[in-house]
Amino acid sequence: MDVINIKEKLNLFTETWTPKIIANVDNHMVYLAKLDGDFIWHKHDDTDEMFLVIEGVLNLEFRDRQVTLNPGEMIVVPKGVEHRPHTSEGASVMIFEDAGTDHTGGIESELRKENHARI
């Protein structure tokens, strides 16, 4: 039961679209990630995904609308909902999802980086 300092953890890496594990909660993972530019359209058939913006602005596109999240705001994307994160100025986010979730929903892409390190 150690205290986790989010800002200190964010200073440990610079890679984008590469979530880093900061904690486990039962069968779920808590990640920090730095995002920049556009990710790919994808979905997670069997799990919800939560995004909490820590720094910057995150846009989440859905097939029928777009949602903009500012620091301190969060959203839960329900399982099976296709979405695409993107940010024009960069963002740091916390992501909460089931352990073992494929972060591209199985779609092959150069942005697919499933080897998440613990920091």
PDB file of N, CA and C in Angstrom:
ATOM      1  N   MET A   1       0.840  -1.180   0.000  1.00  0.00           N
ATOM      2  CA  MET A   1       0.000   0.000   0.000  1.00  0.00           C
ATOM      3  C   MET A   1       0.883   1.240   0.000  1.00  0.00           C
ATOM      4  N   ASP A   2       1.487   1.514  -1.139  1.00  0.00           N
ATOM      5  CA  ASP A   2       2.338   2.684  -1.273  1.00  0.00           C
ATOM      6  C   ASP A   2       1.564   3.813  -1.935  1.00  0.00           C
ATOM      7  N   VAL A   3       1.900   5.033  -1.560  1.00  0.00           N
ATOM      8  CA  VAL A   3       1.328   6.208  -2.204  1.00  0.00           C
ATOM      9  C   VAL A   3       1.938   6.319  -3.597  1.00  0.00           C
ATOM     10  N   ILE A   4       1.107   6.609  -4.589  1.00  0.00           N
ATOM     11  CA  ILE A   4       1.578   6.777  -5.971  1.00  0.00           C
ATOM     12  C   ILE A   4       1.420   8.238  -6.342  1.00  0.00           C
ATOM     13  N   ASN A   5       2.531   8.879  -6.682  1.00  0.00           N
ATOM     14  CA  ASN A   5       2.511  10.271  -7.097  1.00  0.00           C
ATOM     15  C   ASN A   5       2.398  10.309  -8.624  1.00  0.00           C
ATOM     16  N   ILE A   6       1.251  10.728  -9.115  1.00  0.00           N
ATOM     17  CA  ILE A   6       0.965  10.709 -10.551  1.00  0.00           C
ATOM     18  C   ILE A   6       1.950  11.567 -11.332  1.00  0.00           C
ATOM     19  N   LYS A   7       2.225  12.779 -10.875  1.00  0.00           N
ATOM     20  CA  LYS A   7       3.145  13.672 -11.604  1.00  0.00           C
ATOM     21  C   LYS A   7       4.547  13.072 -11.670  1.00  0.00           C
ATOM     22  N   GLU A   8       5.015  12.465 -10.571  1.00  0.00           N
ATOM     23  CA  GLU A   8       6.330  11.822 -10.591  1.00  0.00           C
ATOM     24  C   GLU A   8       6.359  10.681 -11.599  1.00  0.00           C
ATOM     25  N   LYS A   9       5.309   9.878 -11.622  1.00  0.00           N
ATOM     26  CA  LYS A   9       5.246   8.760 -12.571  1.00  0.00           C
ATOM     27  C   LYS A   9       5.236   9.266 -14.008  1.00  0.00           C
ATOM     28  N   LEU A  10       4.497  10.333 -14.297  1.00  0.00           N
ATOM     29  CA  LEU A  10       4.458  10.886 -15.658  1.00  0.00           C
ATOM     30  C   LEU A  10       5.824  11.388 -16.107  1.00  0.00           C
ATOM     31  N   ASN A  11       6.654  11.836 -15.165  1.00  0.00           N
ATOM     32  CA  ASN A  11       7.991  12.326 -15.511  1.00  0.00           C
ATOM     33  C   ASN A  11       8.976  11.202 -15.818  1.00  0.00           C
ATOM     34  N   LEU A  12       8.578   9.952 -15.620  1.00  0.00           N
ATOM     35  CA  LEU A  12       9.478   8.815 -15.854  1.00  0.00           C
ATOM     36  C   LEU A  12       9.523   8.345 -17.302  1.00  0.00           C
ATOM     37  N   PHE A  13       8.631   8.875 -18.156  1.00  0.00           N
ATOM     38  CA  PHE A  13       8.630   8.413 -19.546  1.00  0.00           C
ATOM     39  C   PHE A  13       8.181   9.528 -20.479  1.00  0.00           C
ATOM     40  N   THR A  14       8.556   9.363 -21.762  1.00  0.00           N
ATOM     41  CA  THR A  14       8.185  10.353 -22.780  1.00  0.00           C
ATOM     42  C   THR A  14       7.437   9.730 -23.950  1.00  0.00           C
ATOM     43  N   GLU A  15       7.470   8.403 -24.105  1.00  0.00           N
ATOM     44  CA  GLU A  15       6.819   7.758 -25.240  1.00  0.00           C
ATOM     45  C   GLU A  15       5.325   8.038 -25.233  1.00  0.00           C
ATOM     46  N   THR A  16       4.771   8.148 -26.428  1.00  0.00           N
ATOM     47  CA  THR A  16       3.330   8.347 -26.551  1.00  0.00           C
ATOM     48  C   THR A  16       2.653   7.045 -26.975  1.00  0.00           C
ATOM     49  N   TRP A  17       1.387   6.939 -26.639  1.00  0.00           N
ATOM     50  CA  TRP A  17       0.549   5.784 -26.981  1.00  0.00           C
ATOM     51  C   TRP A  17       1.117   4.474 -26.422  1.00  0.00           C
ATOM     52  N   THR A  18       1.846   4.557 -25.318  1.00  0.00           N
ATOM     53  CA  THR A  18       2.441   3.384 -24.685  1.00  0.00           C
ATOM     54  C   THR A  18       2.071   3.392 -23.203  1.00  0.00           C
ATOM     55  N   PRO A  19       0.894   2.876 -22.852  1.00  0.00           N
ATOM     56  CA  PRO A  19       0.453   2.912 -21.447  1.00  0.00           C
ATOM     57  C   PRO A  19       1.445   2.233 -20.513  1.00  0.00           C
ATOM     58  N   LYS A  20       1.633   2.845 -19.362  1.00  0.00           N
ATOM     59  CA  LYS A  20       2.518   2.318 -18.316  1.00  0.00           C
ATOM     60  C   LYS A  20       1.672   1.918 -17.118  1.00  0.00           C
ATOM     61  N   ILE A  21       1.916   0.748 -16.580  1.00  0.00           N
ATOM     62  CA  ILE A  21       1.164   0.241 -15.433  1.00  0.00           C
ATOM     63  C   ILE A  21       1.618   0.959 -14.171  1.00  0.00           C
ATOM     64  N   ILE A  22       0.644   1.494 -13.416  1.00  0.00           N
ATOM     65  CA  ILE A  22       0.999   2.081 -12.120  1.00  0.00           C
ATOM     66  C   ILE A  22       0.345   1.332 -10.956  1.00  0.00           C
ATOM     67  N   ALA A  23      -0.683   0.531 -11.235  1.00  0.00           N
ATOM     68  CA  ALA A  23      -1.337  -0.215 -10.155  1.00  0.00           C
ATOM     69  C   ALA A  23      -2.248  -1.289 -10.733  1.00  0.00           C
ATOM     70  N   ASN A  24      -2.571  -2.250  -9.874  1.00  0.00           N
ATOM     71  CA  ASN A  24      -3.588  -3.259 -10.161  1.00  0.00           C
ATOM     72  C   ASN A  24      -4.705  -3.076  -9.144  1.00  0.00           C
ATOM     73  N   VAL A  25      -5.936  -3.184  -9.602  1.00  0.00           N
ATOM     74  CA  VAL A  25      -7.101  -3.155  -8.721  1.00  0.00           C
ATOM     75  C   VAL A  25      -7.903  -4.410  -9.057  1.00  0.00           C
ATOM     76  N   ASP A  26      -7.834  -5.402  -8.192  1.00  0.00           N
ATOM     77  CA  ASP A  26      -8.440  -6.697  -8.468  1.00  0.00           C
ATOM     78  C   ASP A  26      -7.980  -7.176  -9.843  1.00  0.00           C
ATOM     79  N   ASN A  27      -8.897  -7.420 -10.760  1.00  0.00           N
ATOM     80  CA  ASN A  27      -8.537  -7.905 -12.096  1.00  0.00           C
ATOM     81  C   ASN A  27      -8.498  -6.765 -13.112  1.00  0.00           C
ATOM     82  N   HIS A  28      -8.152  -5.571 -12.657  1.00  0.00           N
ATOM     83  CA  HIS A  28      -8.082  -4.400 -13.534  1.00  0.00           C
ATOM     84  C   HIS A  28      -6.692  -3.776 -13.451  1.00  0.00           C
ATOM     85  N   MET A  29      -6.340  -3.067 -14.501  1.00  0.00           N
ATOM     86  CA  MET A  29      -5.061  -2.364 -14.549  1.00  0.00           C
ATOM     87  C   MET A  29      -5.322  -0.861 -14.546  1.00  0.00           C
ATOM     88  N   VAL A  30      -4.441  -0.131 -13.874  1.00  0.00           N
ATOM     89  CA  VAL A  30      -4.456   1.326 -13.902  1.00  0.00           C
ATOM     90  C   VAL A  30      -3.194   1.740 -14.644  1.00  0.00           C
ATOM     91  N   TYR A  31      -3.384   2.477 -15.737  1.00  0.00           N
ATOM     92  CA  TYR A  31      -2.278   2.909 -16.591  1.00  0.00           C
ATOM     93  C   TYR A  31      -2.167   4.425 -16.592  1.00  0.00           C
ATOM     94  N   LEU A  32      -0.959   4.908 -16.866  1.00  0.00           N
ATOM     95  CA  LEU A  32      -0.749   6.293 -17.265  1.00  0.00           C
ATOM     96  C   LEU A  32      -0.252   6.240 -18.698  1.00  0.00           C
ATOM     97  N   ALA A  33      -0.702   7.198 -19.496  1.00  0.00           N
ATOM     98  CA  ALA A  33      -0.249   7.261 -20.887  1.00  0.00           C
ATOM     99  C   ALA A  33      -0.155   8.716 -21.323  1.00  0.00           C
ATOM    100  N   LYS A  34       0.813   8.955 -22.191  1.00  0.00           N
ATOM    101  CA  LYS A  34       0.933  10.252 -22.850  1.00  0.00           C
ATOM    102  C   LYS A  34       0.454  10.056 -24.286  1.00  0.00           C
ATOM    103  N   LEU A  35      -0.406  10.936 -24.716  1.00  0.00           N
ATOM    104  CA  LEU A  35      -1.005  10.819 -26.041  1.00  0.00           C
ATOM    105  C   LEU A  35      -0.662  12.048 -26.857  1.00  0.00           C
ATOM    106  N   ASP A  36      -0.474  11.846 -28.156  1.00  0.00           N
ATOM    107  CA  ASP A  36      -0.200  12.968 -29.055  1.00  0.00           C
ATOM    108  C   ASP A  36      -0.619  12.560 -30.459  1.00  0.00           C
ATOM    109  N   GLY A  37      -1.440  13.379 -31.084  1.00  0.00           N
ATOM    110  CA  GLY A  37      -1.903  13.075 -32.428  1.00  0.00           C
ATOM    111  C   GLY A  37      -3.109  12.162 -32.401  1.00  0.00           C
ATOM    112  N   ASP A  38      -3.229  11.339 -33.442  1.00  0.00           N
ATOM    113  CA  ASP A  38      -4.393  10.479 -33.618  1.00  0.00           C
ATOM    114  C   ASP A  38      -4.061   9.027 -33.321  1.00  0.00           C
ATOM    115  N   PHE A  39      -4.970   8.345 -32.619  1.00  0.00           N
ATOM    116  CA  PHE A  39      -4.871   6.907 -32.433  1.00  0.00           C
ATOM    117  C   PHE A  39      -5.715   6.259 -33.531  1.00  0.00           C
ATOM    118  N   ILE A  40      -6.035   5.004 -33.424  1.00  0.00           N
ATOM    119  CA  ILE A  40      -6.809   4.308 -34.450  1.00  0.00           C
ATOM    120  C   ILE A  40      -8.232   4.047 -33.945  1.00  0.00           C
ATOM    121  N   TRP A  41      -9.138   3.896 -34.889  1.00  0.00           N
ATOM    122  CA  TRP A  41     -10.496   3.473 -34.548  1.00  0.00           C
ATOM    123  C   TRP A  41     -10.418   2.046 -34.041  1.00  0.00           C
ATOM    124  N   HIS A  42     -11.043   1.782 -32.885  1.00  0.00           N
ATOM    125  CA  HIS A  42     -11.047   0.439 -32.328  1.00  0.00           C
ATOM    126  C   HIS A  42     -12.165   0.315 -31.301  1.00  0.00           C
ATOM    127  N   LYS A  43     -12.368  -0.908 -30.817  1.00  0.00           N
ATOM    128  CA  LYS A  43     -13.336  -1.170 -29.749  1.00  0.00           C
ATOM    129  C   LYS A  43     -12.843  -2.346 -28.930  1.00  0.00           C
ATOM    130  N   HIS A  44     -13.419  -2.470 -27.761  1.00  0.00           N
ATOM    131  CA  HIS A  44     -13.114  -3.592 -26.880  1.00  0.00           C
ATOM    132  C   HIS A  44     -14.425  -4.336 -26.669  1.00  0.00           C
ATOM    133  N   ASP A  45     -14.527  -5.519 -27.247  1.00  0.00           N
ATOM    134  CA  ASP A  45     -15.793  -6.252 -27.240  1.00  0.00           C
ATOM    135  C   ASP A  45     -16.256  -6.678 -25.849  1.00  0.00           C
ATOM    136  N   ASP A  46     -15.320  -6.932 -24.938  1.00  0.00           N
ATOM    137  CA  ASP A  46     -15.686  -7.546 -23.664  1.00  0.00           C
ATOM    138  C   ASP A  46     -15.412  -6.697 -22.431  1.00  0.00           C
ATOM    139  N   THR A  47     -14.976  -5.460 -22.598  1.00  0.00           N
ATOM    140  CA  THR A  47     -14.617  -4.664 -21.422  1.00  0.00           C
ATOM    141  C   THR A  47     -14.860  -3.174 -21.649  1.00  0.00           C
ATOM    142  N   ASP A  48     -15.250  -2.501 -20.579  1.00  0.00           N
ATOM    143  CA  ASP A  48     -15.346  -1.043 -20.595  1.00  0.00           C
ATOM    144  C   ASP A  48     -13.936  -0.469 -20.456  1.00  0.00           C
ATOM    145  N   GLU A  49     -13.794   0.824 -20.769  1.00  0.00           N
ATOM    146  CA  GLU A  49     -12.502   1.495 -20.653  1.00  0.00           C
ATOM    147  C   GLU A  49     -12.750   2.901 -20.120  1.00  0.00           C
ATOM    148  N   MET A  50     -12.009   3.266 -19.066  1.00  0.00           N
ATOM    149  CA  MET A  50     -12.159   4.590 -18.477  1.00  0.00           C
ATOM    150  C   MET A  50     -10.941   5.446 -18.799  1.00  0.00           C
ATOM    151  N   PHE A  51     -11.190   6.691 -19.202  1.00  0.00           N
ATOM    152  CA  PHE A  51     -10.139   7.677 -19.436  1.00  0.00           C
ATOM    153  C   PHE A  51     -10.344   8.835 -18.468  1.00  0.00           C
ATOM    154  N   LEU A  52      -9.290   9.238 -17.745  1.00  0.00           N
ATOM    155  CA  LEU A  52      -9.294  10.410 -16.883  1.00  0.00           C
ATOM    156  C   LEU A  52      -8.166  11.310 -17.358  1.00  0.00           C
ATOM    157  N   VAL A  53      -8.488  12.536 -17.760  1.00  0.00           N
ATOM    158  CA  VAL A  53      -7.463  13.460 -18.258  1.00  0.00           C
ATOM    159  C   VAL A  53      -6.768  14.129 -17.072  1.00  0.00           C
ATOM    160  N   ILE A  54      -5.443  14.045 -17.083  1.00  0.00           N
ATOM    161  CA  ILE A  54      -4.629  14.658 -16.044  1.00  0.00           C
ATOM    162  C   ILE A  54      -4.085  15.998 -16.532  1.00  0.00           C
ATOM    163  N   GLU A  55      -3.558  16.010 -17.755  1.00  0.00           N
ATOM    164  CA  GLU A  55      -3.015  17.226 -18.370  1.00  0.00           C
ATOM    165  C   GLU A  55      -3.436  17.264 -19.826  1.00  0.00           C
ATOM    166  N   GLY A  56      -3.615  18.459 -20.375  1.00  0.00           N
ATOM    167  CA  GLY A  56      -3.943  18.611 -21.784  1.00  0.00           C
ATOM    168  C   GLY A  56      -5.425  18.418 -22.061  1.00  0.00           C
ATOM    169  N   VAL A  57      -5.735  18.211 -23.326  1.00  0.00           N
ATOM    170  CA  VAL A  57      -7.112  18.024 -23.771  1.00  0.00           C
ATOM    171  C   VAL A  57      -7.168  16.763 -24.623  1.00  0.00           C
ATOM    172  N   LEU A  58      -8.117  15.894 -24.313  1.00  0.00           N
ATOM    173  CA  LEU A  58      -8.303  14.655 -25.058  1.00  0.00           C
ATOM    174  C   LEU A  58      -9.648  14.698 -25.754  1.00  0.00           C
ATOM    175  N   ASN A  59      -9.641  14.409 -27.038  1.00  0.00           N
ATOM    176  CA  ASN A  59     -10.876  14.260 -27.803  1.00  0.00           C
ATOM    177  C   ASN A  59     -11.096  12.779 -28.043  1.00  0.00           C
ATOM    178  N   LEU A  60     -12.317  12.338 -27.797  1.00  0.00           N
ATOM    179  CA  LEU A  60     -12.691  10.960 -28.110  1.00  0.00           C
ATOM    180  C   LEU A  60     -13.763  11.028 -29.175  1.00  0.00           C
ATOM    181  N   GLU A  61     -13.436  10.474 -30.326  1.00  0.00           N
ATOM    182  CA  GLU A  61     -14.411  10.416 -31.414  1.00  0.00           C
ATOM    183  C   GLU A  61     -15.185   9.117 -31.302  1.00  0.00           C
ATOM    184  N   PHE A  62     -16.481   9.212 -31.504  1.00  0.00           N
ATOM    185  CA  PHE A  62     -17.361   8.064 -31.635  1.00  0.00           C
ATOM    186  C   PHE A  62     -17.973   8.182 -33.021  1.00  0.00           C
ATOM    187  N   ARG A  63     -18.571   7.153 -33.514  1.00  0.00           N
ATOM    188  CA  ARG A  63     -19.111   7.199 -34.880  1.00  0.00           C
ATOM    189  C   ARG A  63     -20.225   8.236 -35.025  1.00  0.00           C
ATOM    190  N   ASP A  64     -20.870   8.607 -33.913  1.00  0.00           N
ATOM    191  CA  ASP A  64     -21.979   9.557 -33.999  1.00  0.00           C
ATOM    192  C   ASP A  64     -21.719  10.902 -33.335  1.00  0.00           C
ATOM    193  N   ARG A  65     -20.546  11.073 -32.692  1.00  0.00           N
ATOM    194  CA  ARG A  65     -20.259  12.334 -32.016  1.00  0.00           C
ATOM    195  C   ARG A  65     -18.817  12.376 -31.541  1.00  0.00           C
ATOM    196  N   GLN A  66     -18.417  13.533 -31.027  1.00  0.00           N
ATOM    197  CA  GLN A  66     -17.096  13.691 -30.423  1.00  0.00           C
ATOM    198  C   GLN A  66     -17.263  14.275 -29.029  1.00  0.00           C
ATOM    199  N   VAL A  67     -16.440  13.818 -28.093  1.00  0.00           N
ATOM    200  CA  VAL A  67     -16.448  14.326 -26.727  1.00  0.00           C
ATOM    201  C   VAL A  67     -15.068  14.911 -26.444  1.00  0.00           C
ATOM    202  N   THR A  68     -15.025  16.080 -25.827  1.00  0.00           N
ATOM    203  CA  THR A  68     -13.772  16.725 -25.448  1.00  0.00           C
ATOM    204  C   THR A  68     -13.645  16.687 -23.932  1.00  0.00           C
ATOM    205  N   LEU A  69     -12.497  16.171 -23.471  1.00  0.00           N
ATOM    206  CA  LEU A  69     -12.229  16.071 -22.039  1.00  0.00           C
ATOM    207  C   LEU A  69     -11.082  16.988 -21.661  1.00  0.00           C
ATOM    208  N   ASN A  70     -11.274  17.763 -20.617  1.00  0.00           N
ATOM    209  CA  ASN A  70     -10.261  18.655 -20.067  1.00  0.00           C
ATOM    210  C   ASN A  70      -9.704  18.049 -18.785  1.00  0.00           C
ATOM    211  N   PRO A  71      -8.610  18.607 -18.238  1.00  0.00           N
ATOM    212  CA  PRO A  71      -8.045  18.059 -17.005  1.00  0.00           C
ATOM    213  C   PRO A  71      -9.105  17.944 -15.907  1.00  0.00           C
ATOM    214  N   GLY A  72      -9.084  16.784 -15.249  1.00  0.00           N
ATOM    215  CA  GLY A  72     -10.036  16.519 -14.185  1.00  0.00           C
ATOM    216  C   GLY A  72     -11.335  15.901 -14.660  1.00  0.00           C
ATOM    217  N   GLU A  73     -11.496  15.720 -15.971  1.00  0.00           N
ATOM    218  CA  GLU A  73     -12.712  15.116 -16.509  1.00  0.00           C
ATOM    219  C   GLU A  73     -12.420  13.691 -16.962  1.00  0.00           C
ATOM    220  N   MET A  74     -13.462  12.857 -16.905  1.00  0.00           N
ATOM    221  CA  MET A  74     -13.304  11.458 -17.286  1.00  0.00           C
ATOM    222  C   MET A  74     -14.526  10.980 -18.043  1.00  0.00           C
ATOM    223  N   ILE A  75     -14.334   9.841 -18.708  1.00  0.00           N
ATOM    224  CA  ILE A  75     -15.426   9.188 -19.419  1.00  0.00           C
ATOM    225  C   ILE A  75     -15.199   7.686 -19.366  1.00  0.00           C
ATOM    226  N   VAL A  76     -16.286   6.954 -19.352  1.00  0.00           N
ATOM    227  CA  VAL A  76     -16.229   5.501 -19.467  1.00  0.00           C
ATOM    228  C   VAL A  76     -16.797   5.133 -20.831  1.00  0.00           C
ATOM    229  N   VAL A  77     -15.983   4.469 -21.640  1.00  0.00           N
ATOM    230  CA  VAL A  77     -16.415   3.992 -22.949  1.00  0.00           C
ATOM    231  C   VAL A  77     -16.931   2.569 -22.746  1.00  0.00           C
ATOM    232  N   PRO A  78     -18.224   2.333 -22.979  1.00  0.00           N
ATOM    233  CA  PRO A  78     -18.776   0.991 -22.757  1.00  0.00           C
ATOM    234  C   PRO A  78     -18.197  -0.033 -23.738  1.00  0.00           C
ATOM    235  N   LYS A  79     -18.153  -1.277 -23.290  1.00  0.00           N
ATOM    236  CA  LYS A  79     -17.662  -2.345 -24.157  1.00  0.00           C
ATOM    237  C   LYS A  79     -18.447  -2.353 -25.461  1.00  0.00           C
ATOM    238  N   GLY A  80     -17.720  -2.651 -26.540  1.00  0.00           N
ATOM    239  CA  GLY A  80     -18.335  -2.748 -27.856  1.00  0.00           C
ATOM    240  C   GLY A  80     -18.525  -1.436 -28.590  1.00  0.00           C
ATOM    241  N   VAL A  81     -18.196  -0.295 -27.961  1.00  0.00           N
ATOM    242  CA  VAL A  81     -18.375   1.007 -28.609  1.00  0.00           C
ATOM    243  C   VAL A  81     -17.082   1.405 -29.319  1.00  0.00           C
ATOM    244  N   GLU A  82     -17.170   1.603 -30.620  1.00  0.00           N
ATOM    245  CA  GLU A  82     -16.003   1.997 -31.407  1.00  0.00           C
ATOM    246  C   GLU A  82     -15.645   3.441 -31.072  1.00  0.00           C
ATOM    247  N   HIS A  83     -14.333   3.677 -30.895  1.00  0.00           N
ATOM    248  CA  HIS A  83     -13.872   5.017 -30.520  1.00  0.00           C
ATOM    249  C   HIS A  83     -12.458   5.253 -31.052  1.00  0.00           C
ATOM    250  N   ARG A  84     -12.101   6.540 -31.092  1.00  0.00           N
ATOM    251  CA  ARG A  84     -10.757   6.931 -31.530  1.00  0.00           C
ATOM    252  C   ARG A  84     -10.302   8.117 -30.700  1.00  0.00           C
ATOM    253  N   PRO A  85      -9.307   7.910 -29.830  1.00  0.00           N
ATOM    254  CA  PRO A  85      -8.734   9.032 -29.093  1.00  0.00           C
ATOM    255  C   PRO A  85      -7.832   9.865 -29.998  1.00  0.00           C
ATOM    256  N   HIS A  86      -7.872  11.173 -29.802  1.00  0.00           N
ATOM    257  CA  HIS A  86      -6.907  12.032 -30.481  1.00  0.00           C
ATOM    258  C   HIS A  86      -6.738  13.334 -29.720  1.00  0.00           C
ATOM    259  N   THR A  87      -5.591  13.940 -29.910  1.00  0.00           N
ATOM    260  CA  THR A  87      -5.276  15.205 -29.261  1.00  0.00           C
ATOM    261  C   THR A  87      -4.329  15.984 -30.152  1.00  0.00           C
ATOM    262  N   SER A  88      -4.603  17.231 -30.333  1.00  0.00           N
ATOM    263  CA  SER A  88      -3.740  18.048 -31.194  1.00  0.00           C
ATOM    264  C   SER A  88      -2.602  18.701 -30.422  1.00  0.00           C
ATOM    265  N   GLU A  89      -2.723  18.785 -29.111  1.00  0.00           N
ATOM    266  CA  GLU A  89      -1.693  19.457 -28.311  1.00  0.00           C
ATOM    267  C   GLU A  89      -1.067  18.541 -27.271  1.00  0.00           C
ATOM    268  N   GLY A  90      -1.420  17.269 -27.288  1.00  0.00           N
ATOM    269  CA  GLY A  90      -0.884  16.325 -26.323  1.00  0.00           C
ATOM    270  C   GLY A  90      -1.738  16.268 -25.067  1.00  0.00           C
ATOM    271  N   ALA A  91      -1.753  15.106 -24.435  1.00  0.00           N
ATOM    272  CA  ALA A  91      -2.501  14.911 -23.194  1.00  0.00           C
ATOM    273  C   ALA A  91      -1.867  13.782 -22.398  1.00  0.00           C
ATOM    274  N   SER A  92      -1.995  13.875 -21.089  1.00  0.00           N
ATOM    275  CA  SER A  92      -1.612  12.791 -20.192  1.00  0.00           C
ATOM    276  C   SER A  92      -2.892  12.290 -19.563  1.00  0.00           C
ATOM    277  N   VAL A  93      -3.069  10.965 -19.575  1.00  0.00           N
ATOM    278  CA  VAL A  93      -4.319  10.377 -19.097  1.00  0.00           C
ATOM    279  C   VAL A  93      -4.053   9.179 -18.199  1.00  0.00           C
ATOM    280  N   MET A  94      -5.048   8.893 -17.353  1.00  0.00           N
ATOM    281  CA  MET A  94      -5.082   7.657 -16.602  1.00  0.00           C
ATOM    282  C   MET A  94      -6.141   6.788 -17.271  1.00  0.00           C
ATOM    283  N   ILE A  95      -5.805   5.530 -17.481  1.00  0.00           N
ATOM    284  CA  ILE A  95      -6.719   4.581 -18.123  1.00  0.00           C
ATOM    285  C   ILE A  95      -6.951   3.433 -17.149  1.00  0.00           C
ATOM    286  N   PHE A  96      -8.197   3.017 -17.038  1.00  0.00           N
ATOM    287  CA  PHE A  96      -8.575   1.917 -16.151  1.00  0.00           C
ATOM    288  C   PHE A  96      -9.346   0.907 -16.984  1.00  0.00           C
ATOM    289  N   GLU A  97      -8.853  -0.345 -17.025  1.00  0.00           N
ATOM    290  CA  GLU A  97      -9.522  -1.372 -17.815  1.00  0.00           C
ATOM    291  C   GLU A  97      -9.151  -2.753 -17.294  1.00  0.00           C
ATOM    292  N   ASP A  98      -9.883  -3.770 -17.750  1.00  0.00           N
ATOM    293  CA  ASP A  98      -9.587  -5.144 -17.357  1.00  0.00           C
ATOM    294  C   ASP A  98      -8.151  -5.503 -17.723  1.00  0.00           C
ATOM    295  N   ALA A  99      -7.513  -6.283 -16.861  1.00  0.00           N
ATOM    296  CA  ALA A  99      -6.174  -6.787 -17.157  1.00  0.00           C
ATOM    297  C   ALA A  99      -6.233  -7.614 -18.433  1.00  0.00           C
ATOM    298  N   GLY A 100      -5.231  -7.497 -19.265  1.00  0.00           N
ATOM    299  CA  GLY A 100      -5.165  -8.277 -20.491  1.00  0.00           C
ATOM    300  C   GLY A 100      -5.912  -7.678 -21.665  1.00  0.00           C
ATOM    301  N   THR A 101      -6.513  -6.505 -21.486  1.00  0.00           N
ATOM    302  CA  THR A 101      -7.226  -5.870 -22.594  1.00  0.00           C
ATOM    303  C   THR A 101      -6.241  -5.440 -23.675  1.00  0.00           C
ATOM    304  N   ASP A 102      -6.529  -5.799 -24.890  1.00  0.00           N
ATOM    305  CA  ASP A 102      -5.720  -5.394 -26.043  1.00  0.00           C
ATOM    306  C   ASP A 102      -6.086  -3.950 -26.367  1.00  0.00           C
ATOM    307  N   HIS A 103      -5.143  -3.029 -26.201  1.00  0.00           N
ATOM    308  CA  HIS A 103      -5.502  -1.608 -26.303  1.00  0.00           C
ATOM    309  C   HIS A 103      -5.838  -1.135 -27.713  1.00  0.00           C
ATOM    310  N   THR A 104      -5.639  -1.968 -28.732  1.00  0.00           N
ATOM    311  CA  THR A 104      -6.122  -1.607 -30.070  1.00  0.00           C
ATOM    312  C   THR A 104      -7.308  -2.463 -30.480  1.00  0.00           C
ATOM    313  N   GLY A 105      -7.836  -3.252 -29.547  1.00  0.00           N
ATOM    314  CA  GLY A 105      -8.963  -4.113 -29.872  1.00  0.00           C
ATOM    315  C   GLY A 105      -8.624  -5.167 -30.912  1.00  0.00           C
ATOM    316  N   GLY A 106      -7.338  -5.536 -31.016  1.00  0.00           N
ATOM    317  CA  GLY A 106      -6.907  -6.554 -31.967  1.00  0.00           C
ATOM    318  C   GLY A 106      -6.545  -6.019 -33.336  1.00  0.00           C
ATOM    319  N   ILE A 107      -6.683  -4.729 -33.556  1.00  0.00           N
ATOM    320  CA  ILE A 107      -6.356  -4.130 -34.850  1.00  0.00           C
ATOM    321  C   ILE A 107      -4.851  -3.899 -34.930  1.00  0.00           C
ATOM    322  N   GLU A 108      -4.240  -4.381 -36.014  1.00  0.00           N
ATOM    323  CA  GLU A 108      -2.801  -4.188 -36.208  1.00  0.00           C
ATOM    324  C   GLU A 108      -2.520  -2.750 -36.625  1.00  0.00           C
ATOM    325  N   SER A 109      -1.519  -2.156 -36.002  1.00  0.00           N
ATOM    326  CA  SER A 109      -1.140  -0.774 -36.281  1.00  0.00           C
ATOM    327  C   SER A 109       0.263  -0.547 -35.756  1.00  0.00           C
ATOM    328  N   GLU A 110       0.966   0.424 -36.328  1.00  0.00           N
ATOM    329  CA  GLU A 110       2.280   0.787 -35.801  1.00  0.00           C
ATOM    330  C   GLU A 110       2.153   1.389 -34.402  1.00  0.00           C
ATOM    331  N   LEU A 111       0.950   1.802 -34.020  1.00  0.00           N
ATOM    332  CA  LEU A 111       0.714   2.343 -32.682  1.00  0.00           C
ATOM    333  C   LEU A 111       0.440   1.259 -31.647  1.00  0.00           C
ATOM    334  N   ARG A 112       0.352   0.019 -32.088  1.00  0.00           N
ATOM    335  CA  ARG A 112       0.059  -1.093 -31.184  1.00  0.00           C
ATOM    336  C   ARG A 112       1.297  -1.441 -30.372  1.00  0.00           C
ATOM    337  N   LYS A 113       1.235  -1.179 -29.090  1.00  0.00           N
ATOM    338  CA  LYS A 113       2.353  -1.461 -28.187  1.00  0.00           C
ATOM    339  C   LYS A 113       1.786  -2.136 -26.949  1.00  0.00           C
ATOM    340  N   GLU A 114       1.708  -3.435 -26.968  1.00  0.00           N
ATOM    341  CA  GLU A 114       1.063  -4.185 -25.895  1.00  0.00           C
ATOM    342  C   GLU A 114       2.001  -4.553 -24.751  1.00  0.00           C
ATOM    343  N   ASN A 115       3.276  -4.266 -24.873  1.00  0.00           N
ATOM    344  CA  ASN A 115       4.220  -4.618 -23.816  1.00  0.00           C
ATOM    345  C   ASN A 115       4.279  -3.471 -22.811  1.00  0.00           C
ATOM    346  N   HIS A 116       3.278  -3.385 -21.953  1.00  0.00           N
ATOM    347  CA  HIS A 116       3.184  -2.290 -20.992  1.00  0.00           C
ATOM    348  C   HIS A 116       4.116  -2.535 -19.813  1.00  0.00           C
ATOM    349  N   ALA A 117       5.014  -1.619 -19.573  1.00  0.00           N
ATOM    350  CA  ALA A 117       5.943  -1.744 -18.447  1.00  0.00           C
ATOM    351  C   ALA A 117       5.315  -1.162 -17.188  1.00  0.00           C
ATOM    352  N   ARG A 118       5.722  -1.713 -16.062  1.00  0.00           N
ATOM    353  CA  ARG A 118       5.307  -1.144 -14.779  1.00  0.00           C
ATOM    354  C   ARG A 118       6.328  -0.079 -14.390  1.00  0.00           C
ATOM    355  N   ILE A 119       5.814   1.078 -13.994  1.00  0.00           N
ATOM    356  CA  ILE A 119       6.706   2.147 -13.550  1.00  0.00           C
ATOM    357  C   ILE A 119       6.416   2.493 -12.106  1.00  0.00           C
TER     358      ILE A 119
END
